[in-house]
Amino acid sequence: QVQVVESGGGLVQAGGSLRLSCTASGLTFDDHAMGWFRQAPGKERERVSCISWSGGSTYYADSVKGRFTISRDNAKNTLYLQMNSLKPEDTAMYYCAAVVSVLKYICSVSTKDNYWGQGTQVTVSS
């Protein structure tokens, strides 16, 4: 079955950086668009950034544009999220997801559209 596993979260001071990683197994990695999503306590899950299966197309939420960079290494079945200039409002559980449909570029928070990881906590202190 498909497994999605995130790593790299932690506690960082405002202005600092973190790099999240995500591996996906049980699927042909380079046939699937991928994405990062986050959910803060008491808030709904939101899109952070998504990338097409080839890496040629990307999406960023307005709140992270210019600070976060999504990338993928298809040879390593790994997705990354480089997060710079972190702010306290970036504090959340960060989830990696693989789009269920092959060769379909969407960036959806819907449970049914994605295979989801368990999440990695990012906490930014002020």
PDB file of N, CA and C in Angstrom:
ATOM      1  N   GLN A   1       0.843  -1.190   0.000  1.00  0.00           N
ATOM      2  CA  GLN A   1       0.000   0.000   0.000  1.00  0.00           C
ATOM      3  C   GLN A   1       0.884   1.248   0.000  1.00  0.00           C
ATOM      4  N   VAL A   2       0.262   2.376  -0.247  1.00  0.00           N
ATOM      5  CA  VAL A   2       0.997   3.631  -0.309  1.00  0.00           C
ATOM      6  C   VAL A   2       1.318   4.116   1.100  1.00  0.00           C
ATOM      7  N   GLN A   3       2.567   4.525   1.271  1.00  0.00           N
ATOM      8  CA  GLN A   3       2.999   5.125   2.543  1.00  0.00           C
ATOM      9  C   GLN A   3       3.653   6.460   2.258  1.00  0.00           C
ATOM     10  N   VAL A   4       3.256   7.455   3.021  1.00  0.00           N
ATOM     11  CA  VAL A   4       3.813   8.795   2.918  1.00  0.00           C
ATOM     12  C   VAL A   4       4.348   9.163   4.290  1.00  0.00           C
ATOM     13  N   VAL A   5       5.622   9.553   4.339  1.00  0.00           N
ATOM     14  CA  VAL A   5       6.253   9.805   5.627  1.00  0.00           C
ATOM     15  C   VAL A   5       7.006  11.130   5.582  1.00  0.00           C
ATOM     16  N   GLU A   6       6.646  12.024   6.507  1.00  0.00           N
ATOM     17  CA  GLU A   6       7.308  13.323   6.611  1.00  0.00           C
ATOM     18  C   GLU A   6       8.390  13.289   7.685  1.00  0.00           C
ATOM     19  N   SER A   7       9.356  14.188   7.541  1.00  0.00           N
ATOM     20  CA  SER A   7      10.375  14.382   8.567  1.00  0.00           C
ATOM     21  C   SER A   7      10.907  15.804   8.464  1.00  0.00           C
ATOM     22  N   GLY A   8      11.618  16.223   9.510  1.00  0.00           N
ATOM     23  CA  GLY A   8      12.298  17.506   9.471  1.00  0.00           C
ATOM     24  C   GLY A   8      11.670  18.620  10.279  1.00  0.00           C
ATOM     25  N   GLY A   9      10.528  18.363  10.894  1.00  0.00           N
ATOM     26  CA  GLY A   9       9.921  19.398  11.703  1.00  0.00           C
ATOM     27  C   GLY A   9      10.716  19.639  12.973  1.00  0.00           C
ATOM     28  N   GLY A  10      10.319  20.665  13.704  1.00  0.00           N
ATOM     29  CA  GLY A  10      10.996  20.971  14.956  1.00  0.00           C
ATOM     30  C   GLY A  10      10.654  22.344  15.461  1.00  0.00           C
ATOM     31  N   LEU A  11      11.424  22.767  16.440  1.00  0.00           N
ATOM     32  CA  LEU A  11      11.252  24.085  17.067  1.00  0.00           C
ATOM     33  C   LEU A  11      12.341  25.017  16.549  1.00  0.00           C
ATOM     34  N   VAL A  12      11.929  26.183  16.085  1.00  0.00           N
ATOM     35  CA  VAL A  12      12.889  27.144  15.546  1.00  0.00           C
ATOM     36  C   VAL A  12      12.462  28.556  15.942  1.00  0.00           C
ATOM     37  N   GLN A  13      13.414  29.441  16.070  1.00  0.00           N
ATOM     38  CA  GLN A  13      13.087  30.832  16.385  1.00  0.00           C
ATOM     39  C   GLN A  13      12.616  31.565  15.133  1.00  0.00           C
ATOM     40  N   ALA A  14      11.836  32.585  15.351  1.00  0.00           N
ATOM     41  CA  ALA A  14      11.373  33.409  14.240  1.00  0.00           C
ATOM     42  C   ALA A  14      12.572  33.919  13.440  1.00  0.00           C
ATOM     43  N   GLY A  15      12.432  33.861  12.122  1.00  0.00           N
ATOM     44  CA  GLY A  15      13.522  34.242  11.241  1.00  0.00           C
ATOM     45  C   GLY A  15      14.398  33.082  10.824  1.00  0.00           C
ATOM     46  N   GLY A  16      14.240  31.962  11.480  1.00  0.00           N
ATOM     47  CA  GLY A  16      15.042  30.791  11.183  1.00  0.00           C
ATOM     48  C   GLY A  16      14.525  29.996  10.001  1.00  0.00           C
ATOM     49  N   SER A  17      15.164  28.850   9.769  1.00  0.00           N
ATOM     50  CA  SER A  17      14.845  28.003   8.626  1.00  0.00           C
ATOM     51  C   SER A  17      14.698  26.545   9.052  1.00  0.00           C
ATOM     52  N   LEU A  18      13.900  25.843   8.288  1.00  0.00           N
ATOM     53  CA  LEU A  18      13.763  24.391   8.421  1.00  0.00           C
ATOM     54  C   LEU A  18      13.570  23.815   7.030  1.00  0.00           C
ATOM     55  N   ARG A  19      13.978  22.564   6.856  1.00  0.00           N
ATOM     56  CA  ARG A  19      13.678  21.858   5.613  1.00  0.00           C
ATOM     57  C   ARG A  19      12.923  20.584   5.945  1.00  0.00           C
ATOM     58  N   LEU A  20      11.729  20.494   5.401  1.00  0.00           N
ATOM     59  CA  LEU A  20      10.928  19.291   5.558  1.00  0.00           C
ATOM     60  C   LEU A  20      11.197  18.347   4.391  1.00  0.00           C
ATOM     61  N   SER A  21      11.151  17.066   4.695  1.00  0.00           N
ATOM     62  CA  SER A  21      11.307  16.032   3.665  1.00  0.00           C
ATOM     63  C   SER A  21      10.115  15.085   3.728  1.00  0.00           C
ATOM     64  N   CYS A  22       9.835  14.466   2.608  1.00  0.00           N
ATOM     65  CA  CYS A  22       8.709  13.522   2.537  1.00  0.00           C
ATOM     66  C   CYS A  22       9.070  12.427   1.546  1.00  0.00           C
ATOM     67  N   THR A  23       8.962  11.207   1.987  1.00  0.00           N
ATOM     68  CA  THR A  23       9.159  10.087   1.086  1.00  0.00           C
ATOM     69  C   THR A  23       7.827   9.382   0.858  1.00  0.00           C
ATOM     70  N   ALA A  24       7.651   8.861  -0.323  1.00  0.00           N
ATOM     71  CA  ALA A  24       6.430   8.136  -0.669  1.00  0.00           C
ATOM     72  C   ALA A  24       6.817   6.806  -1.299  1.00  0.00           C
ATOM     73  N   SER A  25       6.191   5.749  -0.838  1.00  0.00           N
ATOM     74  CA  SER A  25       6.443   4.416  -1.373  1.00  0.00           C
ATOM     75  C   SER A  25       5.115   3.759  -1.717  1.00  0.00           C
ATOM     76  N   GLY A  26       5.198   2.709  -2.514  1.00  0.00           N
ATOM     77  CA  GLY A  26       3.982   2.012  -2.915  1.00  0.00           C
ATOM     78  C   GLY A  26       3.301   2.637  -4.116  1.00  0.00           C
ATOM     79  N   LEU A  27       3.966   3.594  -4.741  1.00  0.00           N
ATOM     80  CA  LEU A  27       3.447   4.212  -5.950  1.00  0.00           C
ATOM     81  C   LEU A  27       4.630   4.589  -6.841  1.00  0.00           C
ATOM     82  N   THR A  28       4.319   4.903  -8.096  1.00  0.00           N
ATOM     83  CA  THR A  28       5.355   5.385  -8.998  1.00  0.00           C
ATOM     84  C   THR A  28       5.482   6.878  -8.759  1.00  0.00           C
ATOM     85  N   PHE A  29       6.497   7.246  -7.963  1.00  0.00           N
ATOM     86  CA  PHE A  29       6.591   8.606  -7.418  1.00  0.00           C
ATOM     87  C   PHE A  29       6.501   9.665  -8.502  1.00  0.00           C
ATOM     88  N   ASP A  30       7.185   9.473  -9.610  1.00  0.00           N
ATOM     89  CA  ASP A  30       7.231  10.544 -10.603  1.00  0.00           C
ATOM     90  C   ASP A  30       6.001  10.582 -11.505  1.00  0.00           C
ATOM     91  N   ASP A  31       4.964   9.827 -11.167  1.00  0.00           N
ATOM     92  CA  ASP A  31       3.669   9.939 -11.838  1.00  0.00           C
ATOM     93  C   ASP A  31       2.657  10.749 -11.024  1.00  0.00           C
ATOM     94  N   HIS A  32       3.087  11.200  -9.831  1.00  0.00           N
ATOM     95  CA  HIS A  32       2.126  11.816  -8.912  1.00  0.00           C
ATOM     96  C   HIS A  32       2.540  13.222  -8.510  1.00  0.00           C
ATOM     97  N   ALA A  33       1.613  14.156  -8.668  1.00  0.00           N
ATOM     98  CA  ALA A  33       1.821  15.471  -8.073  1.00  0.00           C
ATOM     99  C   ALA A  33       1.844  15.324  -6.557  1.00  0.00           C
ATOM    100  N   MET A  34       2.527  16.250  -5.917  1.00  0.00           N
ATOM    101  CA  MET A  34       2.693  16.189  -4.462  1.00  0.00           C
ATOM    102  C   MET A  34       2.407  17.560  -3.865  1.00  0.00           C
ATOM    103  N   GLY A  35       2.212  17.567  -2.558  1.00  0.00           N
ATOM    104  CA  GLY A  35       1.968  18.858  -1.929  1.00  0.00           C
ATOM    105  C   GLY A  35       2.242  18.854  -0.443  1.00  0.00           C
ATOM    106  N   TRP A  36       2.383  20.063   0.067  1.00  0.00           N
ATOM    107  CA  TRP A  36       2.497  20.304   1.503  1.00  0.00           C
ATOM    108  C   TRP A  36       1.277  21.088   1.972  1.00  0.00           C
ATOM    109  N   PHE A  37       0.765  20.669   3.098  1.00  0.00           N
ATOM    110  CA  PHE A  37      -0.407  21.294   3.692  1.00  0.00           C
ATOM    111  C   PHE A  37      -0.119  21.486   5.173  1.00  0.00           C
ATOM    112  N   ARG A  38      -0.874  22.353   5.826  1.00  0.00           N
ATOM    113  CA  ARG A  38      -0.643  22.536   7.257  1.00  0.00           C
ATOM    114  C   ARG A  38      -1.960  22.804   7.970  1.00  0.00           C
ATOM    115  N   GLN A  39      -1.949  22.499   9.247  1.00  0.00           N
ATOM    116  CA  GLN A  39      -3.134  22.734  10.075  1.00  0.00           C
ATOM    117  C   GLN A  39      -2.690  23.191  11.452  1.00  0.00           C
ATOM    118  N   ALA A  40      -3.109  24.391  11.792  1.00  0.00           N
ATOM    119  CA  ALA A  40      -2.836  24.936  13.114  1.00  0.00           C
ATOM    120  C   ALA A  40      -3.992  24.589  14.045  1.00  0.00           C
ATOM    121  N   PRO A  41      -3.758  24.582  15.352  1.00  0.00           N
ATOM    122  CA  PRO A  41      -4.837  24.250  16.293  1.00  0.00           C
ATOM    123  C   PRO A  41      -6.043  25.169  16.114  1.00  0.00           C
ATOM    124  N   GLY A  42      -7.200  24.563  16.008  1.00  0.00           N
ATOM    125  CA  GLY A  42      -8.430  25.332  15.876  1.00  0.00           C
ATOM    126  C   GLY A  42      -8.702  25.873  14.488  1.00  0.00           C
ATOM    127  N   LYS A  43      -7.842  25.529  13.544  1.00  0.00           N
ATOM    128  CA  LYS A  43      -8.018  26.018  12.171  1.00  0.00           C
ATOM    129  C   LYS A  43      -8.163  24.857  11.209  1.00  0.00           C
ATOM    130  N   GLU A  44      -8.685  25.175  10.026  1.00  0.00           N
ATOM    131  CA  GLU A  44      -8.817  24.155   9.007  1.00  0.00           C
ATOM    132  C   GLU A  44      -7.475  23.899   8.314  1.00  0.00           C
ATOM    133  N   ARG A  45      -7.359  22.712   7.742  1.00  0.00           N
ATOM    134  CA  ARG A  45      -6.166  22.405   6.970  1.00  0.00           C
ATOM    135  C   ARG A  45      -6.119  23.310   5.748  1.00  0.00           C
ATOM    136  N   GLU A  46      -4.924  23.806   5.430  1.00  0.00           N
ATOM    137  CA  GLU A  46      -4.777  24.708   4.298  1.00  0.00           C
ATOM    138  C   GLU A  46      -3.618  24.276   3.403  1.00  0.00           C
ATOM    139  N   ARG A  47      -3.714  24.702   2.162  1.00  0.00           N
ATOM    140  CA  ARG A  47      -2.644  24.442   1.209  1.00  0.00           C
ATOM    141  C   ARG A  47      -1.450  25.339   1.513  1.00  0.00           C
ATOM    142  N   VAL A  48      -0.271  24.773   1.410  1.00  0.00           N
ATOM    143  CA  VAL A  48       0.958  25.547   1.549  1.00  0.00           C
ATOM    144  C   VAL A  48       1.642  25.645   0.191  1.00  0.00           C
ATOM    145  N   SER A  49       1.927  24.501  -0.402  1.00  0.00           N
ATOM    146  CA  SER A  49       2.630  24.478  -1.675  1.00  0.00           C
ATOM    147  C   SER A  49       2.426  23.130  -2.341  1.00  0.00           C
ATOM    148  N   CYS A  50       2.347  23.139  -3.661  1.00  0.00           N
ATOM    149  CA  CYS A  50       2.185  21.902  -4.423  1.00  0.00           C
ATOM    150  C   CYS A  50       3.103  21.922  -5.640  1.00  0.00           C
ATOM    151  N   ILE A  51       3.370  20.729  -6.156  1.00  0.00           N
ATOM    152  CA  ILE A  51       4.273  20.608  -7.293  1.00  0.00           C
ATOM    153  C   ILE A  51       3.784  19.483  -8.205  1.00  0.00           C
ATOM    154  N   SER A  52       3.903  19.705  -9.490  1.00  0.00           N
ATOM    155  CA  SER A  52       3.472  18.696 -10.447  1.00  0.00           C
ATOM    156  C   SER A  52       4.412  17.496 -10.446  1.00  0.00           C
ATOM    157  N   TRP A  53       4.032  16.428 -11.129  1.00  0.00           N
ATOM    158  CA  TRP A  53       4.814  15.198 -11.100  1.00  0.00           C
ATOM    159  C   TRP A  53       6.218  15.389 -11.676  1.00  0.00           C
ATOM    160  N   SER A  54       6.347  16.286 -12.635  1.00  0.00           N
ATOM    161  CA  SER A  54       7.666  16.530 -13.234  1.00  0.00           C
ATOM    162  C   SER A  54       8.451  17.614 -12.500  1.00  0.00           C
ATOM    163  N   GLY A  55       7.752  18.360 -11.670  1.00  0.00           N
ATOM    164  CA  GLY A  55       8.381  19.499 -11.005  1.00  0.00           C
ATOM    165  C   GLY A  55       8.293  20.782 -11.801  1.00  0.00           C
ATOM    166  N   GLY A  56       7.672  20.726 -12.955  1.00  0.00           N
ATOM    167  CA  GLY A  56       7.629  21.884 -13.823  1.00  0.00           C
ATOM    168  C   GLY A  56       6.625  22.946 -13.426  1.00  0.00           C
ATOM    169  N   SER A  57       5.657  22.578 -12.606  1.00  0.00           N
ATOM    170  CA  SER A  57       4.651  23.537 -12.151  1.00  0.00           C
ATOM    171  C   SER A  57       4.578  23.513 -10.641  1.00  0.00           C
ATOM    172  N   THR A  58       4.451  24.699 -10.064  1.00  0.00           N
ATOM    173  CA  THR A  58       4.353  24.804  -8.612  1.00  0.00           C
ATOM    174  C   THR A  58       3.281  25.806  -8.219  1.00  0.00           C
ATOM    175  N   TYR A  59       2.797  25.642  -7.011  1.00  0.00           N
ATOM    176  CA  TYR A  59       1.818  26.556  -6.410  1.00  0.00           C
ATOM    177  C   TYR A  59       2.308  26.904  -5.007  1.00  0.00           C
ATOM    178  N   TYR A  60       2.125  28.165  -4.641  1.00  0.00           N
ATOM    179  CA  TYR A  60       2.422  28.609  -3.280  1.00  0.00           C
ATOM    180  C   TYR A  60       1.252  29.432  -2.751  1.00  0.00           C
ATOM    181  N   ALA A  61       0.911  29.193  -1.517  1.00  0.00           N
ATOM    182  CA  ALA A  61      -0.042  30.076  -0.862  1.00  0.00           C
ATOM    183  C   ALA A  61       0.576  31.468  -0.728  1.00  0.00           C
ATOM    184  N   ASP A  62      -0.255  32.473  -0.774  1.00  0.00           N
ATOM    185  CA  ASP A  62       0.254  33.850  -0.683  1.00  0.00           C
ATOM    186  C   ASP A  62       1.066  34.068   0.591  1.00  0.00           C
ATOM    187  N   SER A  63       0.659  33.395   1.651  1.00  0.00           N
ATOM    188  CA  SER A  63       1.302  33.604   2.949  1.00  0.00           C
ATOM    189  C   SER A  63       2.740  33.089   3.004  1.00  0.00           C
ATOM    190  N   VAL A  64       3.127  32.248   2.043  1.00  0.00           N
ATOM    191  CA  VAL A  64       4.484  31.669   2.085  1.00  0.00           C
ATOM    192  C   VAL A  64       5.319  32.035   0.863  1.00  0.00           C
ATOM    193  N   LYS A  65       4.730  32.723  -0.093  1.00  0.00           N
ATOM    194  CA  LYS A  65       5.473  33.089  -1.308  1.00  0.00           C
ATOM    195  C   LYS A  65       6.704  33.901  -0.950  1.00  0.00           C
ATOM    196  N   GLY A  66       7.813  33.542  -1.583  1.00  0.00           N
ATOM    197  CA  GLY A  66       9.065  34.243  -1.354  1.00  0.00           C
ATOM    198  C   GLY A  66       9.833  33.740  -0.149  1.00  0.00           C
ATOM    199  N   ARG A  67       9.203  32.900   0.667  1.00  0.00           N
ATOM    200  CA  ARG A  67       9.874  32.360   1.864  1.00  0.00           C
ATOM    201  C   ARG A  67      10.063  30.844   1.788  1.00  0.00           C
ATOM    202  N   PHE A  68       9.111  30.160   1.199  1.00  0.00           N
ATOM    203  CA  PHE A  68       9.156  28.700   1.109  1.00  0.00           C
ATOM    204  C   PHE A  68       9.456  28.283  -0.335  1.00  0.00           C
ATOM    205  N   THR A  69      10.158  27.151  -0.471  1.00  0.00           N
ATOM    206  CA  THR A  69      10.443  26.593  -1.792  1.00  0.00           C
ATOM    207  C   THR A  69      10.171  25.103  -1.778  1.00  0.00           C
ATOM    208  N   ILE A  70       9.333  24.676  -2.701  1.00  0.00           N
ATOM    209  CA  ILE A  70       9.035  23.256  -2.835  1.00  0.00           C
ATOM    210  C   ILE A  70       9.908  22.681  -3.951  1.00  0.00           C
ATOM    211  N   SER A  71      10.343  21.443  -3.750  1.00  0.00           N
ATOM    212  CA  SER A  71      11.126  20.769  -4.785  1.00  0.00           C
ATOM    213  C   SER A  71      10.957  19.267  -4.615  1.00  0.00           C
ATOM    214  N   ARG A  72      11.354  18.546  -5.632  1.00  0.00           N
ATOM    215  CA  ARG A  72      11.268  17.091  -5.561  1.00  0.00           C
ATOM    216  C   ARG A  72      12.455  16.474  -6.265  1.00  0.00           C
ATOM    217  N   ASP A  73      12.863  15.316  -5.759  1.00  0.00           N
ATOM    218  CA  ASP A  73      13.921  14.528  -6.383  1.00  0.00           C
ATOM    219  C   ASP A  73      13.288  13.186  -6.735  1.00  0.00           C
ATOM    220  N   ASN A  74      12.899  13.030  -7.961  1.00  0.00           N
ATOM    221  CA  ASN A  74      12.195  11.809  -8.360  1.00  0.00           C
ATOM    222  C   ASN A  74      13.082  10.579  -8.299  1.00  0.00           C
ATOM    223  N   ALA A  75      14.379  10.758  -8.423  1.00  0.00           N
ATOM    224  CA  ALA A  75      15.287   9.621  -8.317  1.00  0.00           C
ATOM    225  C   ALA A  75      15.324   9.066  -6.893  1.00  0.00           C
ATOM    226  N   LYS A  76      15.010   9.939  -5.922  1.00  0.00           N
ATOM    227  CA  LYS A  76      15.033   9.530  -4.515  1.00  0.00           C
ATOM    228  C   LYS A  76      13.634   9.386  -3.926  1.00  0.00           C
ATOM    229  N   ASN A  77      12.604   9.546  -4.760  1.00  0.00           N
ATOM    230  CA  ASN A  77      11.208   9.461  -4.273  1.00  0.00           C
ATOM    231  C   ASN A  77      10.980  10.389  -3.087  1.00  0.00           C
ATOM    232  N   THR A  78      11.525  11.580  -3.177  1.00  0.00           N
ATOM    233  CA  THR A  78      11.484  12.495  -2.044  1.00  0.00           C
ATOM    234  C   THR A  78      11.012  13.884  -2.455  1.00  0.00           C
ATOM    235  N   LEU A  79      10.176  14.440  -1.605  1.00  0.00           N
ATOM    236  CA  LEU A  79       9.654  15.796  -1.740  1.00  0.00           C
ATOM    237  C   LEU A  79      10.251  16.641  -0.626  1.00  0.00           C
ATOM    238  N   TYR A  80      10.528  17.900  -0.944  1.00  0.00           N
ATOM    239  CA  TYR A  80      11.118  18.806   0.051  1.00  0.00           C
ATOM    240  C   TYR A  80      10.296  20.091   0.177  1.00  0.00           C
ATOM    241  N   LEU A  81      10.431  20.707   1.336  1.00  0.00           N
ATOM    242  CA  LEU A  81       9.909  22.062   1.527  1.00  0.00           C
ATOM    243  C   LEU A  81      10.950  22.837   2.320  1.00  0.00           C
ATOM    244  N   GLN A  82      11.639  23.737   1.653  1.00  0.00           N
ATOM    245  CA  GLN A  82      12.597  24.610   2.323  1.00  0.00           C
ATOM    246  C   GLN A  82      11.839  25.818   2.846  1.00  0.00           C
ATOM    247  N   MET A  83      11.906  26.026   4.139  1.00  0.00           N
ATOM    248  CA  MET A  83      11.158  27.110   4.777  1.00  0.00           C
ATOM    249  C   MET A  83      12.147  28.095   5.387  1.00  0.00           C
ATOM    250  N   ASN A  84      12.163  29.290   4.869  1.00  0.00           N
ATOM    251  CA  ASN A  84      13.041  30.351   5.373  1.00  0.00           C
ATOM    252  C   ASN A  84      12.224  31.478   5.971  1.00  0.00           C
ATOM    253  N   SER A  85      12.883  32.331   6.728  1.00  0.00           N
ATOM    254  CA  SER A  85      12.234  33.495   7.345  1.00  0.00           C
ATOM    255  C   SER A  85      10.942  33.089   8.051  1.00  0.00           C
ATOM    256  N   LEU A  86      11.028  32.056   8.837  1.00  0.00           N
ATOM    257  CA  LEU A  86       9.841  31.521   9.493  1.00  0.00           C
ATOM    258  C   LEU A  86       9.247  32.525  10.473  1.00  0.00           C
ATOM    259  N   LYS A  87       7.925  32.486  10.566  1.00  0.00           N
ATOM    260  CA  LYS A  87       7.175  33.377  11.447  1.00  0.00           C
ATOM    261  C   LYS A  87       6.375  32.541  12.442  1.00  0.00           C
ATOM    262  N   PRO A  88       6.029  33.119  13.568  1.00  0.00           N
ATOM    263  CA  PRO A  88       5.202  32.367  14.534  1.00  0.00           C
ATOM    264  C   PRO A  88       3.900  31.850  13.924  1.00  0.00           C
ATOM    265  N   GLU A  89       3.345  32.581  12.974  1.00  0.00           N
ATOM    266  CA  GLU A  89       2.097  32.127  12.344  1.00  0.00           C
ATOM    267  C   GLU A  89       2.293  30.935  11.413  1.00  0.00           C
ATOM    268  N   ASP A  90       3.528  30.528  11.182  1.00  0.00           N
ATOM    269  CA  ASP A  90       3.795  29.307  10.425  1.00  0.00           C
ATOM    270  C   ASP A  90       3.684  28.067  11.314  1.00  0.00           C
ATOM    271  N   THR A  91       3.534  28.258  12.600  1.00  0.00           N
ATOM    272  CA  THR A  91       3.409  27.134  13.525  1.00  0.00           C
ATOM    273  C   THR A  91       2.187  26.299  13.191  1.00  0.00           C
ATOM    274  N   ALA A  92       2.410  25.004  12.961  1.00  0.00           N
ATOM    275  CA  ALA A  92       1.324  24.102  12.566  1.00  0.00           C
ATOM    276  C   ALA A  92       1.872  22.694  12.433  1.00  0.00           C
ATOM    277  N   MET A  93       0.947  21.761  12.277  1.00  0.00           N
ATOM    278  CA  MET A  93       1.320  20.423  11.841  1.00  0.00           C
ATOM    279  C   MET A  93       1.382  20.462  10.318  1.00  0.00           C
ATOM    280  N   TYR A  94       2.482  20.021   9.770  1.00  0.00           N
ATOM    281  CA  TYR A  94       2.671  20.032   8.317  1.00  0.00           C
ATOM    282  C   TYR A  94       2.504  18.618   7.772  1.00  0.00           C
ATOM    283  N   TYR A  95       1.671  18.516   6.745  1.00  0.00           N
ATOM    284  CA  TYR A  95       1.364  17.231   6.135  1.00  0.00           C
ATOM    285  C   TYR A  95       1.854  17.207   4.688  1.00  0.00           C
ATOM    286  N   CYS A  96       2.400  16.064   4.324  1.00  0.00           N
ATOM    287  CA  CYS A  96       2.756  15.803   2.934  1.00  0.00           C
ATOM    288  C   CYS A  96       1.648  14.939   2.324  1.00  0.00           C
ATOM    289  N   ALA A  97       1.383  15.170   1.051  1.00  0.00           N
ATOM    290  CA  ALA A  97       0.354  14.387   0.379  1.00  0.00           C
ATOM    291  C   ALA A  97       0.753  14.103  -1.052  1.00  0.00           C
ATOM    292  N   ALA A  98       0.363  12.937  -1.506  1.00  0.00           N
ATOM    293  CA  ALA A  98       0.537  12.542  -2.905  1.00  0.00           C
ATOM    294  C   ALA A  98      -0.843  12.457  -3.536  1.00  0.00           C
ATOM    295  N   VAL A  99      -1.004  13.089  -4.668  1.00  0.00           N
ATOM    296  CA  VAL A  99      -2.296  13.025  -5.354  1.00  0.00           C
ATOM    297  C   VAL A  99      -2.567  11.586  -5.782  1.00  0.00           C
ATOM    298  N   VAL A 100      -3.773  11.133  -5.518  1.00  0.00           N
ATOM    299  CA  VAL A 100      -4.116   9.746  -5.817  1.00  0.00           C
ATOM    300  C   VAL A 100      -4.055   9.463  -7.315  1.00  0.00           C
ATOM    301  N   SER A 101      -4.626  10.343  -8.126  1.00  0.00           N
ATOM    302  CA  SER A 101      -4.675  10.125  -9.572  1.00  0.00           C
ATOM    303  C   SER A 101      -3.308  10.347 -10.191  1.00  0.00           C
ATOM    304  N   VAL A 102      -2.938   9.521 -11.115  1.00  0.00           N
ATOM    305  CA  VAL A 102      -1.654   9.690 -11.789  1.00  0.00           C
ATOM    306  C   VAL A 102      -1.751  10.805 -12.827  1.00  0.00           C
ATOM    307  N   LEU A 103      -0.635  11.509 -12.990  1.00  0.00           N
ATOM    308  CA  LEU A 103      -0.501  12.562 -13.995  1.00  0.00           C
ATOM    309  C   LEU A 103      -1.646  13.580 -13.910  1.00  0.00           C
ATOM    310  N   LYS A 104      -2.050  13.893 -12.696  1.00  0.00           N
ATOM    311  CA  LYS A 104      -3.087  14.901 -12.463  1.00  0.00           C
ATOM    312  C   LYS A 104      -2.526  15.926 -11.494  1.00  0.00           C
ATOM    313  N   TYR A 105      -2.462  17.182 -11.941  1.00  0.00           N
ATOM    314  CA  TYR A 105      -1.889  18.233 -11.103  1.00  0.00           C
ATOM    315  C   TYR A 105      -3.020  19.002 -10.434  1.00  0.00           C
ATOM    316  N   ILE A 106      -3.232  18.675  -9.166  1.00  0.00           N
ATOM    317  CA  ILE A 106      -4.187  19.414  -8.358  1.00  0.00           C
ATOM    318  C   ILE A 106      -3.527  19.709  -7.024  1.00  0.00           C
ATOM    319  N   CYS A 107      -4.103  20.645  -6.308  1.00  0.00           N
ATOM    320  CA  CYS A 107      -3.593  21.019  -4.997  1.00  0.00           C
ATOM    321  C   CYS A 107      -4.809  21.130  -4.082  1.00  0.00           C
ATOM    322  N   SER A 108      -5.244  20.010  -3.584  1.00  0.00           N
ATOM    323  CA  SER A 108      -6.523  19.911  -2.897  1.00  0.00           C
ATOM    324  C   SER A 108      -6.343  19.438  -1.473  1.00  0.00           C
ATOM    325  N   VAL A 109      -7.100  20.040  -0.561  1.00  0.00           N
ATOM    326  CA  VAL A 109      -7.059  19.595   0.834  1.00  0.00           C
ATOM    327  C   VAL A 109      -8.009  18.423   1.074  1.00  0.00           C
ATOM    328  N   SER A 110      -8.716  18.011   0.049  1.00  0.00           N
ATOM    329  CA  SER A 110      -9.692  16.934   0.214  1.00  0.00           C
ATOM    330  C   SER A 110      -9.013  15.611   0.567  1.00  0.00           C
ATOM    331  N   THR A 111      -9.571  14.950   1.570  1.00  0.00           N
ATOM    332  CA  THR A 111      -9.019  13.671   2.002  1.00  0.00           C
ATOM    333  C   THR A 111      -9.021  12.658   0.874  1.00  0.00           C
ATOM    334  N   LYS A 112     -10.081  12.652   0.066  1.00  0.00           N
ATOM    335  CA  LYS A 112     -10.228  11.626  -0.955  1.00  0.00           C
ATOM    336  C   LYS A 112      -9.290  11.823  -2.137  1.00  0.00           C
ATOM    337  N   ASP A 113      -8.746  12.999  -2.300  1.00  0.00           N
ATOM    338  CA  ASP A 113      -7.893  13.277  -3.458  1.00  0.00           C
ATOM    339  C   ASP A 113      -6.436  12.874  -3.248  1.00  0.00           C
ATOM    340  N   ASN A 114      -6.064  12.614  -2.000  1.00  0.00           N
ATOM    341  CA  ASN A 114      -4.638  12.437  -1.687  1.00  0.00           C
ATOM    342  C   ASN A 114      -4.383  11.240  -0.792  1.00  0.00           C
ATOM    343  N   TYR A 115      -3.156  10.758  -0.889  1.00  0.00           N
ATOM    344  CA  TYR A 115      -2.590   9.886   0.137  1.00  0.00           C
ATOM    345  C   TYR A 115      -1.870  10.817   1.113  1.00  0.00           C
ATOM    346  N   TRP A 116      -2.159  10.671   2.388  1.00  0.00           N
ATOM    347  CA  TRP A 116      -1.633  11.606   3.394  1.00  0.00           C
ATOM    348  C   TRP A 116      -0.610  10.960   4.307  1.00  0.00           C
ATOM    349  N   GLY A 117       0.371  11.756   4.714  1.00  0.00           N
ATOM    350  CA  GLY A 117       1.281  11.350   5.767  1.00  0.00           C
ATOM    351  C   GLY A 117       0.690  11.660   7.133  1.00  0.00           C
ATOM    352  N   GLN A 118       1.433  11.319   8.171  1.00  0.00           N
ATOM    353  CA  GLN A 118       0.960  11.518   9.543  1.00  0.00           C
ATOM    354  C   GLN A 118       1.257  12.918  10.067  1.00  0.00           C
ATOM    355  N   GLY A 119       2.116  13.629   9.369  1.00  0.00           N
ATOM    356  CA  GLY A 119       2.405  15.007   9.760  1.00  0.00           C
ATOM    357  C   GLY A 119       3.682  15.140  10.572  1.00  0.00           C
ATOM    358  N   THR A 120       4.261  16.326  10.491  1.00  0.00           N
ATOM    359  CA  THR A 120       5.426  16.681  11.297  1.00  0.00           C
ATOM    360  C   THR A 120       5.199  18.078  11.862  1.00  0.00           C
ATOM    361  N   GLN A 121       5.459  18.248  13.146  1.00  0.00           N
ATOM    362  CA  GLN A 121       5.142  19.514  13.825  1.00  0.00           C
ATOM    363  C   GLN A 121       6.236  20.545  13.571  1.00  0.00           C
ATOM    364  N   VAL A 122       5.809  21.730  13.204  1.00  0.00           N
ATOM    365  CA  VAL A 122       6.706  22.879  13.092  1.00  0.00           C
ATOM    366  C   VAL A 122       6.241  23.927  14.084  1.00  0.00           C
ATOM    367  N   THR A 123       7.134  24.339  14.958  1.00  0.00           N
ATOM    368  CA  THR A 123       6.820  25.357  15.950  1.00  0.00           C
ATOM    369  C   THR A 123       7.828  26.488  15.828  1.00  0.00           C
ATOM    370  N   VAL A 124       7.328  27.699  15.632  1.00  0.00           N
ATOM    371  CA  VAL A 124       8.183  28.871  15.480  1.00  0.00           C
ATOM    372  C   VAL A 124       7.947  29.774  16.680  1.00  0.00           C
ATOM    373  N   SER A 125       8.989  30.005  17.449  1.00  0.00           N
ATOM    374  CA  SER A 125       8.876  30.849  18.637  1.00  0.00           C
ATOM    375  C   SER A 125       9.217  32.296  18.302  1.00  0.00           C
ATOM    376  N   SER A 126       8.575  33.189  19.015  1.00  0.00           N
ATOM    377  CA  SER A 126       8.802  34.621  18.744  1.00  0.00           C
ATOM    378  C   SER A 126       9.924  35.183  19.590  1.00  0.00           C
TER     379      SER A 126
END
